[in-house]
Amino acid sequence: ATSGVAVDRSAEARERLRIALERW
């Protein structure tokens, strides 16, 4: 999520973060 912003993939990064945190 943090690095995804730097590589122009903020939407993908947000989605990956959302999925991971659903299990946290």
PDB file of all heavy atoms in Angstrom:
ATOM      1  N   ALA A   1       0.825  -1.212   0.000  1.00  0.00           N
ATOM      2  CA  ALA A   1       0.000   0.000   0.000  1.00  0.00           C
ATOM      3  C   ALA A   1       0.857   1.258   0.000  1.00  0.00           C
ATOM      4  O   ALA A   1       0.601   2.196  -0.762  1.00  0.00           O
ATOM      5  CB  ALA A   1      -0.947  -0.009   1.197  1.00  0.00           C
ATOM      6  N   THR A   2       1.885   1.288   0.842  1.00  0.00           N
ATOM      7  CA  THR A   2       2.743   2.471   0.910  1.00  0.00           C
ATOM      8  C   THR A   2       3.538   2.648  -0.375  1.00  0.00           C
ATOM      9  O   THR A   2       3.595   3.740  -0.932  1.00  0.00           O
ATOM     10  CB  THR A   2       3.687   2.372   2.123  1.00  0.00           C
ATOM     11  OG1 THR A   2       2.908   2.224   3.301  1.00  0.00           O
ATOM     12  CG2 THR A   2       4.549   3.605   2.257  1.00  0.00           C
ATOM     13  N   SER A   3       4.133   1.568  -0.854  1.00  0.00           N
ATOM     14  CA  SER A   3       4.956   1.677  -2.057  1.00  0.00           C
ATOM     15  C   SER A   3       4.103   1.754  -3.323  1.00  0.00           C
ATOM     16  O   SER A   3       4.544   2.314  -4.334  1.00  0.00           O
ATOM     17  CB  SER A   3       5.923   0.497  -2.153  1.00  0.00           C
ATOM     18  OG  SER A   3       5.224  -0.729  -2.249  1.00  0.00           O
ATOM     19  N   GLY A   4       2.889   1.234  -3.270  1.00  0.00           N
ATOM     20  CA  GLY A   4       2.003   1.281  -4.433  1.00  0.00           C
ATOM     21  C   GLY A   4       1.710   2.694  -4.875  1.00  0.00           C
ATOM     22  O   GLY A   4       1.564   2.970  -6.064  1.00  0.00           O
ATOM     23  N   VAL A   5       1.648   3.600  -3.935  1.00  0.00           N
ATOM     24  CA  VAL A   5       1.445   5.010  -4.252  1.00  0.00           C
ATOM     25  C   VAL A   5       2.628   5.523  -5.076  1.00  0.00           C
ATOM     26  O   VAL A   5       2.451   6.224  -6.062  1.00  0.00           O
ATOM     27  CB  VAL A   5       1.278   5.840  -2.955  1.00  0.00           C
ATOM     28  CG1 VAL A   5       1.313   7.321  -3.234  1.00  0.00           C
ATOM     29  CG2 VAL A   5      -0.003   5.445  -2.247  1.00  0.00           C
ATOM     30  N   ALA A   6       3.834   5.115  -4.688  1.00  0.00           N
ATOM     31  CA  ALA A   6       5.039   5.594  -5.366  1.00  0.00           C
ATOM     32  C   ALA A   6       5.207   5.013  -6.761  1.00  0.00           C
ATOM     33  O   ALA A   6       5.898   5.612  -7.589  1.00  0.00           O
ATOM     34  CB  ALA A   6       6.269   5.280  -4.519  1.00  0.00           C
ATOM     35  N   VAL A   7       4.576   3.879  -7.017  1.00  0.00           N
ATOM     36  CA  VAL A   7       4.701   3.260  -8.350  1.00  0.00           C
ATOM     37  C   VAL A   7       3.410   3.391  -9.151  1.00  0.00           C
ATOM     38  O   VAL A   7       3.160   2.637 -10.080  1.00  0.00           O
ATOM     39  CB  VAL A   7       5.176   1.780  -8.260  1.00  0.00           C
ATOM     40  CG1 VAL A   7       6.563   1.687  -7.655  1.00  0.00           C
ATOM     41  CG2 VAL A   7       4.180   0.912  -7.518  1.00  0.00           C
ATOM     42  N   ASP A   8       2.589   4.375  -8.762  1.00  0.00           N
ATOM     43  CA  ASP A   8       1.367   4.725  -9.494  1.00  0.00           C
ATOM     44  C   ASP A   8       0.334   3.600  -9.504  1.00  0.00           C
ATOM     45  O   ASP A   8      -0.306   3.345 -10.515  1.00  0.00           O
ATOM     46  CB  ASP A   8       1.725   5.162 -10.927  1.00  0.00           C
ATOM     47  CG  ASP A   8       0.566   5.902 -11.592  1.00  0.00           C
ATOM     48  OD1 ASP A   8      -0.213   6.561 -10.878  1.00  0.00           O
ATOM     49  OD2 ASP A   8       0.438   5.814 -12.826  1.00  0.00           O
ATOM     50  N   ARG A   9       0.185   2.938  -8.357  1.00  0.00           N
ATOM     51  CA  ARG A   9      -0.808   1.872  -8.244  1.00  0.00           C
ATOM     52  C   ARG A   9      -1.596   2.025  -6.943  1.00  0.00           C
ATOM     53  O   ARG A   9      -1.764   1.074  -6.191  1.00  0.00           O
ATOM     54  CB  ARG A   9      -0.123   0.513  -8.293  1.00  0.00           C
ATOM     55  CG  ARG A   9       0.516   0.242  -9.625  1.00  0.00           C
ATOM     56  CD  ARG A   9       1.161  -1.093  -9.675  1.00  0.00           C
ATOM     57  NE  ARG A   9       1.526  -1.356 -11.059  1.00  0.00           N
ATOM     58  CZ  ARG A   9       1.634  -2.543 -11.564  1.00  0.00           C
ATOM     59  NH1 ARG A   9       1.401  -3.597 -10.835  1.00  0.00           N
ATOM     60  NH2 ARG A   9       1.979  -2.698 -12.821  1.00  0.00           N
ATOM     61  N   SER A  10      -2.078   3.223  -6.700  1.00  0.00           N
ATOM     62  CA  SER A  10      -2.749   3.477  -5.424  1.00  0.00           C
ATOM     63  C   SER A  10      -4.054   2.701  -5.276  1.00  0.00           C
ATOM     64  O   SER A  10      -4.371   2.219  -4.189  1.00  0.00           O
ATOM     65  CB  SER A  10      -2.970   4.973  -5.203  1.00  0.00           C
ATOM     66  OG  SER A  10      -3.859   5.497  -6.157  1.00  0.00           O
ATOM     67  N   ALA A  11      -4.817   2.550  -6.348  1.00  0.00           N
ATOM     68  CA  ALA A  11      -6.091   1.817  -6.243  1.00  0.00           C
ATOM     69  C   ALA A  11      -5.838   0.349  -5.911  1.00  0.00           C
ATOM     70  O   ALA A  11      -6.495  -0.225  -5.035  1.00  0.00           O
ATOM     71  CB  ALA A  11      -6.890   1.943  -7.533  1.00  0.00           C
ATOM     72  N   GLU A  12      -4.883  -0.256  -6.597  1.00  0.00           N
ATOM     73  CA  GLU A  12      -4.527  -1.650  -6.323  1.00  0.00           C
ATOM     74  C   GLU A  12      -4.002  -1.785  -4.892  1.00  0.00           C
ATOM     75  O   GLU A  12      -4.342  -2.729  -4.180  1.00  0.00           O
ATOM     76  CB  GLU A  12      -3.465  -2.121  -7.310  1.00  0.00           C
ATOM     77  CG  GLU A  12      -2.943  -3.517  -7.020  1.00  0.00           C
ATOM     78  CD  GLU A  12      -1.729  -3.861  -7.863  1.00  0.00           C
ATOM     79  OE1 GLU A  12      -1.533  -3.270  -8.950  1.00  0.00           O
ATOM     80  OE2 GLU A  12      -0.974  -4.742  -7.433  1.00  0.00           O
ATOM     81  N   ALA A  13      -3.176  -0.847  -4.480  1.00  0.00           N
ATOM     82  CA  ALA A  13      -2.609  -0.886  -3.137  1.00  0.00           C
ATOM     83  C   ALA A  13      -3.703  -0.800  -2.079  1.00  0.00           C
ATOM     84  O   ALA A  13      -3.686  -1.540  -1.085  1.00  0.00           O
ATOM     85  CB  ALA A  13      -1.606   0.255  -2.969  1.00  0.00           C
ATOM     86  N   ARG A  14      -4.652   0.081  -2.274  1.00  0.00           N
ATOM     87  CA  ARG A  14      -5.769   0.209  -1.323  1.00  0.00           C
ATOM     88  C   ARG A  14      -6.565  -1.094  -1.229  1.00  0.00           C
ATOM     89  O   ARG A  14      -6.960  -1.507  -0.144  1.00  0.00           O
ATOM     90  CB  ARG A  14      -6.721   1.326  -1.751  1.00  0.00           C
ATOM     91  CG  ARG A  14      -6.233   2.720  -1.515  1.00  0.00           C
ATOM     92  CD  ARG A  14      -7.345   3.663  -1.983  1.00  0.00           C
ATOM     93  NE  ARG A  14      -6.920   4.996  -2.219  1.00  0.00           N
ATOM     94  CZ  ARG A  14      -7.069   6.000  -1.349  1.00  0.00           C
ATOM     95  NH1 ARG A  14      -7.593   5.787  -0.174  1.00  0.00           N
ATOM     96  NH2 ARG A  14      -6.686   7.212  -1.671  1.00  0.00           N
ATOM     97  N   GLU A  15      -6.800  -1.720  -2.365  1.00  0.00           N
ATOM     98  CA  GLU A  15      -7.579  -2.959  -2.379  1.00  0.00           C
ATOM     99  C   GLU A  15      -6.832  -4.079  -1.656  1.00  0.00           C
ATOM    100  O   GLU A  15      -7.419  -4.819  -0.868  1.00  0.00           O
ATOM    101  CB  GLU A  15      -7.907  -3.368  -3.824  1.00  0.00           C
ATOM    102  CG  GLU A  15      -8.734  -4.620  -3.929  1.00  0.00           C
ATOM    103  CD  GLU A  15     -10.112  -4.539  -3.292  1.00  0.00           C
ATOM    104  OE1 GLU A  15     -10.572  -3.433  -2.935  1.00  0.00           O
ATOM    105  OE2 GLU A  15     -10.745  -5.602  -3.133  1.00  0.00           O
ATOM    106  N   ARG A  16      -5.536  -4.212  -1.902  1.00  0.00           N
ATOM    107  CA  ARG A  16      -4.744  -5.227  -1.217  1.00  0.00           C
ATOM    108  C   ARG A  16      -4.762  -5.001   0.285  1.00  0.00           C
ATOM    109  O   ARG A  16      -4.874  -5.935   1.071  1.00  0.00           O
ATOM    110  CB  ARG A  16      -3.300  -5.203  -1.694  1.00  0.00           C
ATOM    111  CG  ARG A  16      -3.058  -5.799  -3.049  1.00  0.00           C
ATOM    112  CD  ARG A  16      -3.036  -7.320  -2.943  1.00  0.00           C
ATOM    113  NE  ARG A  16      -2.365  -8.024  -3.976  1.00  0.00           N
ATOM    114  CZ  ARG A  16      -1.131  -7.893  -4.396  1.00  0.00           C
ATOM    115  NH1 ARG A  16      -0.344  -6.987  -3.894  1.00  0.00           N
ATOM    116  NH2 ARG A  16      -0.656  -8.652  -5.344  1.00  0.00           N
ATOM    117  N   LEU A  17      -4.660  -3.756   0.681  1.00  0.00           N
ATOM    118  CA  LEU A  17      -4.681  -3.407   2.099  1.00  0.00           C
ATOM    119  C   LEU A  17      -6.036  -3.743   2.711  1.00  0.00           C
ATOM    120  O   LEU A  17      -6.113  -4.333   3.797  1.00  0.00           O
ATOM    121  CB  LEU A  17      -4.379  -1.914   2.267  1.00  0.00           C
ATOM    122  CG  LEU A  17      -4.279  -1.387   3.682  1.00  0.00           C
ATOM    123  CD1 LEU A  17      -3.174  -2.090   4.449  1.00  0.00           C
ATOM    124  CD2 LEU A  17      -4.022   0.110   3.654  1.00  0.00           C
ATOM    125  N   ARG A  18      -7.103  -3.411   2.022  1.00  0.00           N
ATOM    126  CA  ARG A  18      -8.444  -3.704   2.523  1.00  0.00           C
ATOM    127  C   ARG A  18      -8.634  -5.201   2.752  1.00  0.00           C
ATOM    128  O   ARG A  18      -9.111  -5.627   3.800  1.00  0.00           O
ATOM    129  CB  ARG A  18      -9.496  -3.181   1.540  1.00  0.00           C
ATOM    130  CG  ARG A  18     -10.939  -3.333   2.045  1.00  0.00           C
ATOM    131  CD  ARG A  18     -11.957  -3.089   0.936  1.00  0.00           C
ATOM    132  NE  ARG A  18     -11.869  -4.021  -0.159  1.00  0.00           N
ATOM    133  CZ  ARG A  18     -12.273  -5.300  -0.111  1.00  0.00           C
ATOM    134  NH1 ARG A  18     -12.783  -5.800   0.992  1.00  0.00           N
ATOM    135  NH2 ARG A  18     -12.159  -6.080  -1.173  1.00  0.00           N
ATOM    136  N   ILE A  19      -8.230  -5.998   1.794  1.00  0.00           N
ATOM    137  CA  ILE A  19      -8.386  -7.446   1.910  1.00  0.00           C
ATOM    138  C   ILE A  19      -7.574  -7.996   3.079  1.00  0.00           C
ATOM    139  O   ILE A  19      -8.064  -8.802   3.866  1.00  0.00           O
ATOM    140  CB  ILE A  19      -7.988  -8.134   0.580  1.00  0.00           C
ATOM    141  CG1 ILE A  19      -9.016  -7.796  -0.503  1.00  0.00           C
ATOM    142  CG2 ILE A  19      -7.849  -9.638   0.760  1.00  0.00           C
ATOM    143  CD1 ILE A  19      -8.569  -8.162  -1.907  1.00  0.00           C
ATOM    144  N   ALA A  20      -6.343  -7.549   3.199  1.00  0.00           N
ATOM    145  CA  ALA A  20      -5.493  -8.041   4.292  1.00  0.00           C
ATOM    146  C   ALA A  20      -6.054  -7.653   5.651  1.00  0.00           C
ATOM    147  O   ALA A  20      -6.062  -8.460   6.587  1.00  0.00           O
ATOM    148  CB  ALA A  20      -4.071  -7.513   4.134  1.00  0.00           C
ATOM    149  N   LEU A  21      -6.545  -6.431   5.773  1.00  0.00           N
ATOM    150  CA  LEU A  21      -7.040  -5.964   7.072  1.00  0.00           C
ATOM    151  C   LEU A  21      -8.378  -6.586   7.448  1.00  0.00           C
ATOM    152  O   LEU A  21      -8.727  -6.605   8.631  1.00  0.00           O
ATOM    153  CB  LEU A  21      -7.117  -4.441   7.105  1.00  0.00           C
ATOM    154  CG  LEU A  21      -5.760  -3.748   7.173  1.00  0.00           C
ATOM    155  CD1 LEU A  21      -5.930  -2.241   7.105  1.00  0.00           C
ATOM    156  CD2 LEU A  21      -4.987  -4.130   8.414  1.00  0.00           C
ATOM    157  N   GLU A  22      -9.107  -7.091   6.467  1.00  0.00           N
ATOM    158  CA  GLU A  22     -10.354  -7.802   6.794  1.00  0.00           C
ATOM    159  C   GLU A  22     -10.066  -9.021   7.660  1.00  0.00           C
ATOM    160  O   GLU A  22     -10.904  -9.434   8.451  1.00  0.00           O
ATOM    161  CB  GLU A  22     -11.069  -8.241   5.512  1.00  0.00           C
ATOM    162  CG  GLU A  22     -11.827  -7.135   4.838  1.00  0.00           C
ATOM    163  CD  GLU A  22     -12.499  -7.590   3.554  1.00  0.00           C
ATOM    164  OE1 GLU A  22     -12.286  -8.748   3.116  1.00  0.00           O
ATOM    165  OE2 GLU A  22     -13.239  -6.783   2.986  1.00  0.00           O
ATOM    166  N   ARG A  23      -8.875  -9.581   7.511  1.00  0.00           N
ATOM    167  CA  ARG A  23      -8.495 -10.767   8.270  1.00  0.00           C
ATOM    168  C   ARG A  23      -7.768 -10.407   9.565  1.00  0.00           C
ATOM    169  O   ARG A  23      -7.365 -11.287  10.318  1.00  0.00           O
ATOM    170  CB  ARG A  23      -7.589 -11.653   7.422  1.00  0.00           C
ATOM    171  CG  ARG A  23      -8.293 -12.188   6.188  1.00  0.00           C
ATOM    172  CD  ARG A  23      -7.367 -12.899   5.230  1.00  0.00           C
ATOM    173  NE  ARG A  23      -6.539 -13.897   5.872  1.00  0.00           N
ATOM    174  CZ  ARG A  23      -5.420 -14.387   5.348  1.00  0.00           C
ATOM    175  NH1 ARG A  23      -5.013 -13.959   4.175  1.00  0.00           N
ATOM    176  NH2 ARG A  23      -4.718 -15.299   5.971  1.00  0.00           N
ATOM    177  N   TRP A  24      -7.569  -9.130   9.833  1.00  0.00           N
ATOM    178  CA  TRP A  24      -6.793  -8.686  10.989  1.00  0.00           C
ATOM    179  C   TRP A  24      -7.724  -8.288  12.127  1.00  0.00           C
ATOM    180  O   TRP A  24      -8.875  -7.954  11.913  1.00  0.00           O
ATOM    181  CB  TRP A  24      -5.901  -7.508  10.586  1.00  0.00           C
ATOM    182  CG  TRP A  24      -4.816  -7.239  11.575  1.00  0.00           C
ATOM    183  CD1 TRP A  24      -4.701  -6.153  12.382  1.00  0.00           C
ATOM    184  CD2 TRP A  24      -3.697  -8.069  11.869  1.00  0.00           C
ATOM    185  NE1 TRP A  24      -3.583  -6.259  13.152  1.00  0.00           N
ATOM    186  CE2 TRP A  24      -2.953  -7.438  12.859  1.00  0.00           C
ATOM    187  CE3 TRP A  24      -3.259  -9.307  11.403  1.00  0.00           C
ATOM    188  CZ2 TRP A  24      -1.783  -7.975  13.399  1.00  0.00           C
ATOM    189  CZ3 TRP A  24      -2.110  -9.847  11.924  1.00  0.00           C
ATOM    190  CH2 TRP A  24      -1.385  -9.186  12.908  1.00  0.00           C
TER     191      TRP A  24
END
